[in-house]
Amino acid sequence: MVTNQPRLTQSIAHRLTQLAQLQGDLAEFEAQYALSSREFYPRYARGEMGDDMDFIEWAATLEMIANLNQQAALVTIHPTLTLPW
């Protein structure tokens, strides 16, 4: 199977940039609320944090990071896989 290696490499680089930006966003939330993401998310999921827009964005940021990590795992497990992104 032939892969489009330059496209795959570019896509991975793009996702690493996204990941770095999202991790920076997490650091801002954690500093602003003096709460780690590890502590925040379970409380948010249980409805203990309320519906403040910051909390919704914080949770979405964590979910985007999880999604990017899953995509990276796919590439690591199946390096010859041609992905749609």
N, C-alpha and C. Protein backbone atom coordinates (compact mmCIF):
# COMPACT_ATOMS: atom_id res chain seq x y z
N MET A 1 0.84 -1.18 0.00
CA MET A 1 0.00 0.00 0.00
C MET A 1 0.89 1.24 0.00
N VAL A 2 0.61 2.17 -0.87
CA VAL A 2 1.38 3.40 -0.98
C VAL A 2 0.62 4.49 -0.24
N THR A 3 1.35 5.24 0.58
CA THR A 3 0.72 6.34 1.30
C THR A 3 1.22 7.65 0.74
N ASN A 4 0.49 8.68 1.00
CA ASN A 4 0.89 10.02 0.63
C ASN A 4 1.67 10.59 1.81
N GLN A 5 2.93 10.20 1.93
CA GLN A 5 3.75 10.53 3.10
C GLN A 5 3.86 12.04 3.35
N PRO A 6 4.13 12.89 2.33
CA PRO A 6 4.21 14.32 2.61
C PRO A 6 2.91 14.89 3.18
N ARG A 7 1.79 14.44 2.64
CA ARG A 7 0.49 14.91 3.15
C ARG A 7 0.28 14.46 4.59
N LEU A 8 0.64 13.22 4.87
CA LEU A 8 0.50 12.70 6.22
C LEU A 8 1.40 13.46 7.19
N THR A 9 2.63 13.72 6.78
CA THR A 9 3.56 14.46 7.63
C THR A 9 3.05 15.87 7.90
N GLN A 10 2.53 16.52 6.87
CA GLN A 10 1.99 17.87 7.02
C GLN A 10 0.78 17.85 7.95
N SER A 11 -0.06 16.85 7.82
CA SER A 11 -1.24 16.73 8.66
C SER A 11 -0.86 16.53 10.12
N ILE A 12 0.13 15.69 10.35
CA ILE A 12 0.59 15.46 11.73
C ILE A 12 1.17 16.74 12.31
N ALA A 13 1.96 17.45 11.53
CA ALA A 13 2.54 18.71 12.00
C ALA A 13 1.45 19.71 12.35
N HIS A 14 0.41 19.77 11.53
CA HIS A 14 -0.71 20.67 11.80
C HIS A 14 -1.39 20.30 13.12
N ARG A 15 -1.59 19.02 13.34
CA ARG A 15 -2.23 18.58 14.58
C ARG A 15 -1.36 18.83 15.79
N LEU A 16 -0.05 18.72 15.65
CA LEU A 16 0.85 19.03 16.76
C LEU A 16 0.77 20.52 17.11
N THR A 17 0.63 21.36 16.10
CA THR A 17 0.47 22.80 16.33
C THR A 17 -0.85 23.06 17.06
N GLN A 18 -1.91 22.41 16.59
CA GLN A 18 -3.21 22.53 17.27
C GLN A 18 -3.11 22.10 18.73
N LEU A 19 -2.44 20.99 18.95
CA LEU A 19 -2.30 20.45 20.30
C LEU A 19 -1.56 21.44 21.20
N ALA A 20 -0.50 22.03 20.71
CA ALA A 20 0.25 23.01 21.49
C ALA A 20 -0.62 24.22 21.84
N GLN A 21 -1.41 24.69 20.88
CA GLN A 21 -2.30 25.82 21.14
C GLN A 21 -3.35 25.47 22.18
N LEU A 22 -3.92 24.29 22.06
CA LEU A 22 -4.95 23.87 23.02
C LEU A 22 -4.36 23.69 24.41
N GLN A 23 -3.15 23.17 24.50
CA GLN A 23 -2.52 23.01 25.80
C GLN A 23 -2.23 24.38 26.44
N GLY A 24 -1.91 25.37 25.61
CA GLY A 24 -1.76 26.73 26.12
C GLY A 24 -3.07 27.26 26.66
N ASP A 25 -4.16 26.97 25.96
CA ASP A 25 -5.48 27.39 26.44
C ASP A 25 -5.80 26.74 27.78
N LEU A 26 -5.45 25.45 27.92
CA LEU A 26 -5.68 24.75 29.20
C LEU A 26 -4.93 25.43 30.33
N ALA A 27 -3.69 25.78 30.07
CA ALA A 27 -2.87 26.43 31.10
C ALA A 27 -3.52 27.73 31.56
N GLU A 28 -4.11 28.47 30.63
CA GLU A 28 -4.80 29.72 30.99
C GLU A 28 -6.01 29.45 31.87
N PHE A 29 -6.83 28.47 31.50
CA PHE A 29 -8.00 28.12 32.31
C PHE A 29 -7.56 27.68 33.71
N GLU A 30 -6.56 26.83 33.77
CA GLU A 30 -6.10 26.31 35.06
C GLU A 30 -5.57 27.43 35.95
N ALA A 31 -4.85 28.37 35.38
CA ALA A 31 -4.33 29.50 36.15
C ALA A 31 -5.47 30.42 36.60
N GLN A 32 -6.39 30.70 35.70
CA GLN A 32 -7.49 31.61 36.01
C GLN A 32 -8.36 31.07 37.15
N TYR A 33 -8.61 29.77 37.16
CA TYR A 33 -9.52 29.18 38.14
C TYR A 33 -8.80 28.40 39.24
N ALA A 34 -7.46 28.42 39.22
CA ALA A 34 -6.65 27.72 40.23
C ALA A 34 -7.16 26.28 40.43
N LEU A 35 -7.34 25.61 39.30
CA LEU A 35 -7.88 24.25 39.31
C LEU A 35 -7.26 23.50 38.14
N SER A 36 -6.80 22.29 38.39
CA SER A 36 -6.24 21.51 37.29
C SER A 36 -7.36 20.96 36.42
N SER A 37 -7.02 20.69 35.17
CA SER A 37 -8.01 20.10 34.27
C SER A 37 -8.44 18.73 34.76
N ARG A 38 -7.52 18.03 35.39
CA ARG A 38 -7.84 16.70 35.94
C ARG A 38 -8.90 16.80 37.03
N GLU A 39 -8.88 17.89 37.79
CA GLU A 39 -9.90 18.10 38.83
C GLU A 39 -11.17 18.70 38.23
N PHE A 40 -10.99 19.58 37.26
CA PHE A 40 -12.12 20.29 36.68
C PHE A 40 -13.09 19.35 35.95
N TYR A 41 -12.58 18.54 35.04
CA TYR A 41 -13.46 17.82 34.11
C TYR A 41 -14.46 16.89 34.80
N PRO A 42 -14.05 16.09 35.78
CA PRO A 42 -15.07 15.24 36.44
C PRO A 42 -16.15 16.08 37.13
N ARG A 43 -15.74 17.20 37.71
CA ARG A 43 -16.73 18.08 38.36
C ARG A 43 -17.67 18.69 37.32
N TYR A 44 -17.12 19.08 36.20
CA TYR A 44 -17.93 19.63 35.11
C TYR A 44 -18.91 18.58 34.60
N ALA A 45 -18.41 17.38 34.38
CA ALA A 45 -19.24 16.30 33.85
C ALA A 45 -20.39 15.95 34.80
N ARG A 46 -20.17 16.13 36.10
CA ARG A 46 -21.23 15.88 37.09
C ARG A 46 -22.17 17.07 37.25
N GLY A 47 -21.90 18.16 36.53
CA GLY A 47 -22.77 19.34 36.61
C GLY A 47 -22.47 20.24 37.78
N GLU A 48 -21.32 20.08 38.40
CA GLU A 48 -20.98 20.86 39.59
C GLU A 48 -20.37 22.23 39.28
N MET A 49 -20.02 22.48 38.03
CA MET A 49 -19.31 23.71 37.69
C MET A 49 -20.23 24.78 37.09
N GLY A 50 -21.44 24.44 36.76
CA GLY A 50 -22.34 25.40 36.17
C GLY A 50 -22.17 25.49 34.67
N ASP A 51 -22.84 26.48 34.07
CA ASP A 51 -22.87 26.62 32.62
C ASP A 51 -22.13 27.86 32.13
N ASP A 52 -21.19 28.34 32.91
CA ASP A 52 -20.39 29.49 32.50
C ASP A 52 -19.68 29.16 31.17
N MET A 53 -19.64 30.12 30.26
CA MET A 53 -19.03 29.89 28.95
C MET A 53 -17.59 29.43 29.06
N ASP A 54 -16.84 29.95 30.01
CA ASP A 54 -15.45 29.50 30.20
C ASP A 54 -15.39 28.00 30.48
N PHE A 55 -16.30 27.50 31.28
CA PHE A 55 -16.30 26.09 31.62
C PHE A 55 -16.67 25.22 30.41
N ILE A 56 -17.60 25.71 29.62
CA ILE A 56 -17.97 24.99 28.40
C ILE A 56 -16.78 24.94 27.45
N GLU A 57 -16.08 26.07 27.29
CA GLU A 57 -14.90 26.11 26.42
C GLU A 57 -13.77 25.25 26.97
N TRP A 58 -13.59 25.25 28.28
CA TRP A 58 -12.55 24.43 28.92
C TRP A 58 -12.82 22.95 28.64
N ALA A 59 -14.06 22.54 28.85
CA ALA A 59 -14.41 21.13 28.59
C ALA A 59 -14.22 20.79 27.11
N ALA A 60 -14.63 21.68 26.23
CA ALA A 60 -14.46 21.44 24.79
C ALA A 60 -12.98 21.34 24.43
N THR A 61 -12.15 22.15 25.05
CA THR A 61 -10.70 22.10 24.80
C THR A 61 -10.14 20.75 25.21
N LEU A 62 -10.55 20.26 26.36
CA LEU A 62 -10.10 18.94 26.81
C LEU A 62 -10.56 17.84 25.84
N GLU A 63 -11.78 17.96 25.35
CA GLU A 63 -12.30 16.96 24.42
C GLU A 63 -11.57 17.02 23.07
N MET A 64 -11.21 18.22 22.62
CA MET A 64 -10.45 18.35 21.38
C MET A 64 -9.06 17.73 21.53
N ILE A 65 -8.44 17.93 22.69
CA ILE A 65 -7.13 17.33 22.94
C ILE A 65 -7.24 15.81 22.93
N ALA A 66 -8.27 15.28 23.55
CA ALA A 66 -8.47 13.83 23.56
C ALA A 66 -8.64 13.31 22.14
N ASN A 67 -9.38 14.04 21.32
CA ASN A 67 -9.60 13.65 19.93
C ASN A 67 -8.28 13.66 19.15
N LEU A 68 -7.48 14.70 19.31
CA LEU A 68 -6.19 14.77 18.63
C LEU A 68 -5.27 13.64 19.07
N ASN A 69 -5.31 13.32 20.36
CA ASN A 69 -4.48 12.21 20.86
C ASN A 69 -4.93 10.88 20.27
N GLN A 70 -6.24 10.69 20.10
CA GLN A 70 -6.75 9.47 19.47
C GLN A 70 -6.30 9.37 18.02
N GLN A 71 -6.33 10.49 17.31
CA GLN A 71 -5.88 10.50 15.93
C GLN A 71 -4.39 10.16 15.84
N ALA A 72 -3.60 10.72 16.76
CA ALA A 72 -2.17 10.44 16.77
C ALA A 72 -1.92 8.96 17.07
N ALA A 73 -2.72 8.38 17.94
CA ALA A 73 -2.57 6.96 18.27
C ALA A 73 -2.86 6.11 17.04
N LEU A 74 -3.85 6.49 16.24
CA LEU A 74 -4.16 5.74 15.02
C LEU A 74 -2.98 5.73 14.07
N VAL A 75 -2.34 6.87 13.93
CA VAL A 75 -1.19 6.96 13.03
C VAL A 75 -0.03 6.14 13.57
N THR A 76 0.14 6.13 14.88
CA THR A 76 1.21 5.35 15.50
C THR A 76 0.96 3.86 15.35
N ILE A 77 -0.27 3.44 15.55
CA ILE A 77 -0.62 2.02 15.47
C ILE A 77 -0.62 1.55 14.02
N HIS A 78 -1.09 2.39 13.12
CA HIS A 78 -1.22 2.03 11.70
C HIS A 78 -0.48 3.07 10.85
N PRO A 79 0.84 3.04 10.84
CA PRO A 79 1.59 4.09 10.13
C PRO A 79 1.37 4.11 8.62
N THR A 80 0.86 3.06 8.05
CA THR A 80 0.60 3.06 6.60
C THR A 80 -0.85 3.40 6.28
N LEU A 81 -1.63 3.66 7.28
CA LEU A 81 -3.04 3.99 7.09
C LEU A 81 -3.16 5.36 6.41
N THR A 82 -3.97 5.46 5.39
CA THR A 82 -4.23 6.73 4.75
C THR A 82 -5.47 7.32 5.41
N LEU A 83 -5.26 8.41 6.11
CA LEU A 83 -6.35 9.04 6.86
C LEU A 83 -7.01 10.15 6.03
N PRO A 84 -8.29 10.42 6.28
CA PRO A 84 -9.00 11.40 5.48
C PRO A 84 -8.61 12.85 5.79
N TRP A 85 -7.79 13.10 6.78
CA TRP A 85 -7.39 14.47 7.09
C TRP A 85 -5.99 14.62 6.70
